[in-house]
């Protein structure tokens, strides 16, 4: 085994706050996941090769600000 993450997992900030939870393939974020900033949901959706691909991005008050489709964003 090469030590790369595969399947579901979580990443944490140094103070044990979840930064990302979701799916990995060959160590990169791939599939469905959620990204957080200081315990606030920032993005939820699909990742492809470590990049946000399809999903919704939120501001620090959980207000929808952008929708991504195929890696391109559309501001709401």
PDB file of N, CA and C in Angstrom:
ATOM      1  N   UNK A   1       0.850  -1.186   0.000  1.00  0.00           N
ATOM      2  CA  UNK A   1       0.000   0.000   0.000  1.00  0.00           C
ATOM      3  C   UNK A   1       0.885   1.236   0.000  1.00  0.00           C
ATOM      4  N   UNK A   2       0.502   2.271  -0.717  1.00  0.00           N
ATOM      5  CA  UNK A   2       1.316   3.455  -0.887  1.00  0.00           C
ATOM      6  C   UNK A   2       0.999   4.577   0.097  1.00  0.00           C
ATOM      7  N   UNK A   3       0.074   4.414   0.992  1.00  0.00           N
ATOM      8  CA  UNK A   3      -0.257   5.427   1.985  1.00  0.00           C
ATOM      9  C   UNK A   3      -1.244   6.479   1.509  1.00  0.00           C
ATOM     10  N   UNK A   4      -1.686   6.411   0.255  1.00  0.00           N
ATOM     11  CA  UNK A   4      -2.662   7.377  -0.241  1.00  0.00           C
ATOM     12  C   UNK A   4      -4.054   7.019   0.259  1.00  0.00           C
ATOM     13  N   UNK A   5      -4.833   8.046   0.524  1.00  0.00           N
ATOM     14  CA  UNK A   5      -6.211   7.820   0.979  1.00  0.00           C
ATOM     15  C   UNK A   5      -7.075   7.325  -0.168  1.00  0.00           C
ATOM     16  N   UNK A   6      -7.935   6.369   0.148  1.00  0.00           N
ATOM     17  CA  UNK A   6      -8.944   5.879  -0.790  1.00  0.00           C
ATOM     18  C   UNK A   6     -10.200   5.605   0.003  1.00  0.00           C
ATOM     19  N   UNK A   7     -11.349   5.969  -0.556  1.00  0.00           N
ATOM     20  CA  UNK A   7     -12.607   5.793   0.151  1.00  0.00           C
ATOM     21  C   UNK A   7     -12.979   7.057   0.915  1.00  0.00           C
ATOM     22  N   UNK A   8     -13.792   6.898   1.944  1.00  0.00           N
ATOM     23  CA  UNK A   8     -14.256   8.043   2.729  1.00  0.00           C
ATOM     24  C   UNK A   8     -13.243   8.382   3.813  1.00  0.00           C
ATOM     25  N   UNK A   9     -13.172   9.689   4.132  1.00  0.00           N
ATOM     26  CA  UNK A   9     -12.246  10.122   5.166  1.00  0.00           C
ATOM     27  C   UNK A   9     -12.489  11.560   5.567  1.00  0.00           C
ATOM     28  N   UNK A  10     -11.636  12.052   6.478  1.00  0.00           N
ATOM     29  CA  UNK A  10     -11.747  13.419   6.984  1.00  0.00           C
ATOM     30  C   UNK A  10     -10.365  14.040   7.080  1.00  0.00           C
ATOM     31  N   UNK A  11     -10.328  15.353   6.900  1.00  0.00           N
ATOM     32  CA  UNK A  11      -9.124  16.143   7.143  1.00  0.00           C
ATOM     33  C   UNK A  11      -9.465  17.120   8.261  1.00  0.00           C
ATOM     34  N   UNK A  12      -8.463  17.394   9.086  1.00  0.00           N
ATOM     35  CA  UNK A  12      -8.687  18.288  10.223  1.00  0.00           C
ATOM     36  C   UNK A  12      -7.690  19.442  10.213  1.00  0.00           C
ATOM     37  N   UNK A  13      -8.123  20.593  10.761  1.00  0.00           N
ATOM     38  CA  UNK A  13      -7.200  21.678  11.071  1.00  0.00           C
ATOM     39  C   UNK A  13      -6.391  21.229  12.272  1.00  0.00           C
ATOM     40  N   UNK A  14      -5.333  21.924  12.587  1.00  0.00           N
ATOM     41  CA  UNK A  14      -4.472  21.513  13.699  1.00  0.00           C
ATOM     42  C   UNK A  14      -5.198  21.535  15.045  1.00  0.00           C
ATOM     43  N   UNK A  15      -6.303  22.247  15.168  1.00  0.00           N
ATOM     44  CA  UNK A  15      -7.049  22.295  16.438  1.00  0.00           C
ATOM     45  C   UNK A  15      -8.241  21.327  16.431  1.00  0.00           C
ATOM     46  N   UNK A  16      -8.156  20.258  15.658  1.00  0.00           N
ATOM     47  CA  UNK A  16      -9.142  19.165  15.621  1.00  0.00           C
ATOM     48  C   UNK A  16     -10.522  19.588  15.095  1.00  0.00           C
ATOM     49  N   UNK A  17     -10.564  20.645  14.315  1.00  0.00           N
ATOM     50  CA  UNK A  17     -11.816  21.069  13.671  1.00  0.00           C
ATOM     51  C   UNK A  17     -11.816  20.494  12.254  1.00  0.00           C
ATOM     52  N   UNK A  18     -12.938  19.907  11.856  1.00  0.00           N
ATOM     53  CA  UNK A  18     -13.017  19.282  10.524  1.00  0.00           C
ATOM     54  C   UNK A  18     -12.851  20.348   9.438  1.00  0.00           C
ATOM     55  N   UNK A  19     -11.954  20.054   8.499  1.00  0.00           N
ATOM     56  CA  UNK A  19     -11.698  20.918   7.344  1.00  0.00           C
ATOM     57  C   UNK A  19     -12.401  20.365   6.104  1.00  0.00           C
ATOM     58  N   UNK A  20     -12.418  19.026   5.989  1.00  0.00           N
ATOM     59  CA  UNK A  20     -13.038  18.358   4.845  1.00  0.00           C
ATOM     60  C   UNK A  20     -13.489  16.978   5.278  1.00  0.00           C
ATOM     61  N   UNK A  21     -14.645  16.577   4.776  1.00  0.00           N
ATOM     62  CA  UNK A  21     -15.066  15.190   4.937  1.00  0.00           C
ATOM     63  C   UNK A  21     -15.705  14.753   3.636  1.00  0.00           C
ATOM     64  N   UNK A  22     -15.259  13.588   3.165  1.00  0.00           N
ATOM     65  CA  UNK A  22     -15.782  13.099   1.904  1.00  0.00           C
ATOM     66  C   UNK A  22     -14.968  11.954   1.354  1.00  0.00           C
ATOM     67  N   UNK A  23     -14.980  11.840   0.034  1.00  0.00           N
ATOM     68  CA  UNK A  23     -14.386  10.712  -0.648  1.00  0.00           C
ATOM     69  C   UNK A  23     -13.030  11.067  -1.261  1.00  0.00           C
ATOM     70  N   UNK A  24     -12.159  10.050  -1.315  1.00  0.00           N
ATOM     71  CA  UNK A  24     -10.823  10.182  -1.896  1.00  0.00           C
ATOM     72  C   UNK A  24     -10.563   9.046  -2.876  1.00  0.00           C
ATOM     73  N   UNK A  25      -9.779   9.357  -3.888  1.00  0.00           N
ATOM     74  CA  UNK A  25      -9.229   8.344  -4.780  1.00  0.00           C
ATOM     75  C   UNK A  25      -7.770   8.712  -5.003  1.00  0.00           C
ATOM     76  N   UNK A  26      -6.877   7.770  -4.733  1.00  0.00           N
ATOM     77  CA  UNK A  26      -5.432   7.971  -4.883  1.00  0.00           C
ATOM     78  C   UNK A  26      -4.950   9.234  -4.171  1.00  0.00           C
ATOM     79  N   UNK A  27      -5.473   9.480  -2.979  1.00  0.00           N
ATOM     80  CA  UNK A  27      -5.015  10.589  -2.157  1.00  0.00           C
ATOM     81  C   UNK A  27      -5.621  11.944  -2.460  1.00  0.00           C
ATOM     82  N   UNK A  28      -6.409  12.040  -3.517  1.00  0.00           N
ATOM     83  CA  UNK A  28      -7.036  13.316  -3.882  1.00  0.00           C
ATOM     84  C   UNK A  28      -8.525  13.276  -3.578  1.00  0.00           C
ATOM     85  N   UNK A  29      -9.072  14.446  -3.316  1.00  0.00           N
ATOM     86  CA  UNK A  29     -10.517  14.552  -3.125  1.00  0.00           C
ATOM     87  C   UNK A  29     -11.196  14.216  -4.451  1.00  0.00           C
ATOM     88  N   UNK A  30     -12.012  13.188  -4.435  1.00  0.00           N
ATOM     89  CA  UNK A  30     -12.746  12.739  -5.624  1.00  0.00           C
ATOM     90  C   UNK A  30     -14.077  12.187  -5.162  1.00  0.00           C
ATOM     91  N   UNK A  31     -15.152  12.687  -5.741  1.00  0.00           N
ATOM     92  CA  UNK A  31     -16.480  12.246  -5.344  1.00  0.00           C
ATOM     93  C   UNK A  31     -17.159  13.306  -4.489  1.00  0.00           C
ATOM     94  N   UNK A  32     -18.093  12.879  -3.679  1.00  0.00           N
ATOM     95  CA  UNK A  32     -18.914  13.785  -2.870  1.00  0.00           C
ATOM     96  C   UNK A  32     -18.184  14.156  -1.589  1.00  0.00           C
ATOM     97  N   UNK A  33     -18.240  15.461  -1.256  1.00  0.00           N
ATOM     98  CA  UNK A  33     -17.596  15.919  -0.032  1.00  0.00           C
ATOM     99  C   UNK A  33     -18.109  17.265   0.416  1.00  0.00           C
ATOM    100  N   UNK A  34     -17.665  17.646   1.619  1.00  0.00           N
ATOM    101  CA  UNK A  34     -18.006  18.943   2.212  1.00  0.00           C
ATOM    102  C   UNK A  34     -16.731  19.565   2.757  1.00  0.00           C
ATOM    103  N   UNK A  35     -16.578  20.864   2.519  1.00  0.00           N
ATOM    104  CA  UNK A  35     -15.420  21.594   3.009  1.00  0.00           C
ATOM    105  C   UNK A  35     -15.902  22.662   3.986  1.00  0.00           C
ATOM    106  N   UNK A  36     -15.162  22.812   5.078  1.00  0.00           N
ATOM    107  CA  UNK A  36     -15.553  23.735   6.143  1.00  0.00           C
ATOM    108  C   UNK A  36     -14.448  24.754   6.388  1.00  0.00           C
ATOM    109  N   UNK A  37     -14.852  25.926   6.865  1.00  0.00           N
ATOM    110  CA  UNK A  37     -13.921  26.937   7.326  1.00  0.00           C
ATOM    111  C   UNK A  37     -14.379  27.367   8.709  1.00  0.00           C
ATOM    112  N   UNK A  38     -13.565  27.113   9.721  1.00  0.00           N
ATOM    113  CA  UNK A  38     -13.927  27.422  11.115  1.00  0.00           C
ATOM    114  C   UNK A  38     -15.310  26.891  11.481  1.00  0.00           C
ATOM    115  N   UNK A  39     -15.543  25.620  11.194  1.00  0.00           N
ATOM    116  CA  UNK A  39     -16.780  24.894  11.498  1.00  0.00           C
ATOM    117  C   UNK A  39     -18.002  25.368  10.715  1.00  0.00           C
ATOM    118  N   UNK A  40     -17.811  26.229   9.721  1.00  0.00           N
ATOM    119  CA  UNK A  40     -18.920  26.727   8.898  1.00  0.00           C
ATOM    120  C   UNK A  40     -18.801  26.087   7.510  1.00  0.00           C
ATOM    121  N   UNK A  41     -19.892  25.525   7.019  1.00  0.00           N
ATOM    122  CA  UNK A  41     -19.895  24.890   5.706  1.00  0.00           C
ATOM    123  C   UNK A  41     -19.562  25.925   4.643  1.00  0.00           C
ATOM    124  N   UNK A  42     -18.504  25.649   3.875  1.00  0.00           N
ATOM    125  CA  UNK A  42     -18.074  26.554   2.811  1.00  0.00           C
ATOM    126  C   UNK A  42     -18.459  26.020   1.430  1.00  0.00           C
ATOM    127  N   UNK A  43     -18.362  24.695   1.259  1.00  0.00           N
ATOM    128  CA  UNK A  43     -18.668  24.087  -0.038  1.00  0.00           C
ATOM    129  C   UNK A  43     -19.198  22.686   0.186  1.00  0.00           C
ATOM    130  N   UNK A  44     -20.202  22.325  -0.610  1.00  0.00           N
ATOM    131  CA  UNK A  44     -20.663  20.937  -0.617  1.00  0.00           C
ATOM    132  C   UNK A  44     -20.958  20.557  -2.050  1.00  0.00           C
ATOM    133  N   UNK A  45     -20.496  19.373  -2.407  1.00  0.00           N
ATOM    134  CA  UNK A  45     -20.725  18.913  -3.763  1.00  0.00           C
ATOM    135  C   UNK A  45     -19.716  17.868  -4.183  1.00  0.00           C
ATOM    136  N   UNK A  46     -19.351  17.920  -5.437  1.00  0.00           N
ATOM    137  CA  UNK A  46     -18.496  16.917  -6.049  1.00  0.00           C
ATOM    138  C   UNK A  46     -17.105  17.488  -6.323  1.00  0.00           C
ATOM    139  N   UNK A  47     -16.105  16.672  -6.036  1.00  0.00           N
ATOM    140  CA  UNK A  47     -14.713  17.018  -6.313  1.00  0.00           C
ATOM    141  C   UNK A  47     -14.200  16.118  -7.421  1.00  0.00           C
ATOM    142  N   UNK A  48     -13.282  16.656  -8.225  1.00  0.00           N
ATOM    143  CA  UNK A  48     -12.651  15.872  -9.284  1.00  0.00           C
ATOM    144  C   UNK A  48     -11.160  16.167  -9.258  1.00  0.00           C
ATOM    145  N   UNK A  49     -10.349  15.148  -9.051  1.00  0.00           N
ATOM    146  CA  UNK A  49      -8.888  15.290  -8.979  1.00  0.00           C
ATOM    147  C   UNK A  49      -8.450  16.393  -8.020  1.00  0.00           C
ATOM    148  N   UNK A  50      -9.124  16.488  -6.870  1.00  0.00           N
ATOM    149  CA  UNK A  50      -8.749  17.445  -5.837  1.00  0.00           C
ATOM    150  C   UNK A  50      -9.353  18.825  -5.985  1.00  0.00           C
ATOM    151  N   UNK A  51     -10.109  19.062  -7.049  1.00  0.00           N
ATOM    152  CA  UNK A  51     -10.700  20.387  -7.293  1.00  0.00           C
ATOM    153  C   UNK A  51     -12.214  20.341  -7.121  1.00  0.00           C
ATOM    154  N   UNK A  52     -12.768  21.455  -6.664  1.00  0.00           N
ATOM    155  CA  UNK A  52     -14.226  21.573  -6.573  1.00  0.00           C
ATOM    156  C   UNK A  52     -14.768  21.537  -7.996  1.00  0.00           C
ATOM    157  N   UNK A  53     -15.770  20.670  -8.235  1.00  0.00           N
ATOM    158  CA  UNK A  53     -16.219  20.449  -9.607  1.00  0.00           C
ATOM    159  C   UNK A  53     -17.688  20.826  -9.793  1.00  0.00           C
ATOM    160  N   UNK A  54     -18.577  20.199  -9.078  1.00  0.00           N
ATOM    161  CA  UNK A  54     -20.009  20.509  -9.139  1.00  0.00           C
ATOM    162  C   UNK A  54     -20.506  20.685  -7.706  1.00  0.00           C
ATOM    163  N   UNK A  55     -21.183  21.787  -7.425  1.00  0.00           N
ATOM    164  CA  UNK A  55     -21.699  21.952  -6.069  1.00  0.00           C
ATOM    165  C   UNK A  55     -22.055  23.387  -5.756  1.00  0.00           C
ATOM    166  N   UNK A  56     -22.159  23.657  -4.463  1.00  0.00           N
ATOM    167  CA  UNK A  56     -22.593  24.963  -3.983  1.00  0.00           C
ATOM    168  C   UNK A  56     -21.581  25.525  -2.992  1.00  0.00           C
ATOM    169  N   UNK A  57     -21.301  26.814  -3.134  1.00  0.00           N
ATOM    170  CA  UNK A  57     -20.374  27.508  -2.253  1.00  0.00           C
ATOM    171  C   UNK A  57     -21.168  28.519  -1.424  1.00  0.00           C
ATOM    172  N   UNK A  58     -20.797  28.608  -0.137  1.00  0.00           N
ATOM    173  CA  UNK A  58     -21.521  29.455   0.807  1.00  0.00           C
ATOM    174  C   UNK A  58     -20.590  30.481   1.447  1.00  0.00           C
ATOM    175  N   UNK A  59     -21.179  31.612   1.896  1.00  0.00           N
ATOM    176  CA  UNK A  59     -20.393  32.597   2.637  1.00  0.00           C
ATOM    177  C   UNK A  59     -20.353  32.214   4.112  1.00  0.00           C
ATOM    178  N   UNK A  60     -19.768  33.069   4.943  1.00  0.00           N
ATOM    179  CA  UNK A  60     -19.607  32.722   6.355  1.00  0.00           C
ATOM    180  C   UNK A  60     -20.897  32.786   7.161  1.00  0.00           C
ATOM    181  N   UNK A  61     -22.015  33.116   6.513  1.00  0.00           N
ATOM    182  CA  UNK A  61     -23.335  33.084   7.168  1.00  0.00           C
ATOM    183  C   UNK A  61     -24.224  32.014   6.543  1.00  0.00           C
ATOM    184  N   UNK A  62     -23.587  31.078   5.839  1.00  0.00           N
ATOM    185  CA  UNK A  62     -24.263  29.949   5.189  1.00  0.00           C
ATOM    186  C   UNK A  62     -25.223  30.393   4.085  1.00  0.00           C
ATOM    187  N   UNK A  63     -24.972  31.555   3.494  1.00  0.00           N
ATOM    188  CA  UNK A  63     -25.778  32.037   2.376  1.00  0.00           C
ATOM    189  C   UNK A  63     -25.127  31.562   1.077  1.00  0.00           C
ATOM    190  N   UNK A  64     -25.925  30.978   0.198  1.00  0.00           N
ATOM    191  CA  UNK A  64     -25.440  30.499  -1.090  1.00  0.00           C
ATOM    192  C   UNK A  64     -24.913  31.673  -1.906  1.00  0.00           C
ATOM    193  N   UNK A  65     -23.662  31.568  -2.355  1.00  0.00           N
ATOM    194  CA  UNK A  65     -23.090  32.666  -3.140  1.00  0.00           C
ATOM    195  C   UNK A  65     -22.663  32.241  -4.546  1.00  0.00           C
ATOM    196  N   UNK A  66     -22.498  30.941  -4.762  1.00  0.00           N
ATOM    197  CA  UNK A  66     -22.001  30.490  -6.062  1.00  0.00           C
ATOM    198  C   UNK A  66     -22.381  29.032  -6.283  1.00  0.00           C
ATOM    199  N   UNK A  67     -22.684  28.709  -7.520  1.00  0.00           N
ATOM    200  CA  UNK A  67     -22.901  27.316  -7.900  1.00  0.00           C
ATOM    201  C   UNK A  67     -21.859  26.942  -8.941  1.00  0.00           C
ATOM    202  N   UNK A  68     -21.208  25.821  -8.729  1.00  0.00           N
ATOM    203  CA  UNK A  68     -20.213  25.332  -9.669  1.00  0.00           C
ATOM    204  C   UNK A  68     -20.810  24.239 -10.535  1.00  0.00           C
ATOM    205  N   UNK A  69     -20.492  24.305 -11.809  1.00  0.00           N
ATOM    206  CA  UNK A  69     -20.903  23.277 -12.760  1.00  0.00           C
ATOM    207  C   UNK A  69     -19.701  23.001 -13.642  1.00  0.00           C
ATOM    208  N   UNK A  70     -19.197  21.776 -13.609  1.00  0.00           N
ATOM    209  CA  UNK A  70     -18.039  21.363 -14.385  1.00  0.00           C
ATOM    210  C   UNK A  70     -16.829  22.257 -14.105  1.00  0.00           C
ATOM    211  N   UNK A  71     -16.660  22.686 -12.855  1.00  0.00           N
ATOM    212  CA  UNK A  71     -15.516  23.473 -12.441  1.00  0.00           C
ATOM    213  C   UNK A  71     -15.657  24.959 -12.638  1.00  0.00           C
ATOM    214  N   UNK A  72     -16.746  25.395 -13.262  1.00  0.00           N
ATOM    215  CA  UNK A  72     -16.960  26.818 -13.504  1.00  0.00           C
ATOM    216  C   UNK A  72     -18.059  27.335 -12.587  1.00  0.00           C
ATOM    217  N   UNK A  73     -17.840  28.512 -11.998  1.00  0.00           N
ATOM    218  CA  UNK A  73     -18.789  29.064 -11.059  1.00  0.00           C
ATOM    219  C   UNK A  73     -19.735  30.071 -11.674  1.00  0.00           C
ATOM    220  N   UNK A  74     -20.915  30.131 -11.086  1.00  0.00           N
ATOM    221  CA  UNK A  74     -21.924  31.126 -11.467  1.00  0.00           C
ATOM    222  C   UNK A  74     -22.360  31.798 -10.189  1.00  0.00           C
ATOM    223  N   UNK A  75     -22.056  33.094 -10.062  1.00  0.00           N
ATOM    224  CA  UNK A  75     -22.401  33.833  -8.849  1.00  0.00           C
ATOM    225  C   UNK A  75     -23.906  34.013  -8.782  1.00  0.00           C
ATOM    226  N   UNK A  76     -24.458  33.773  -7.587  1.00  0.00           N
ATOM    227  CA  UNK A  76     -25.898  33.878  -7.358  1.00  0.00           C
ATOM    228  C   UNK A  76     -26.244  35.312  -6.976  1.00  0.00           C
TER     229      UNK A  76
END
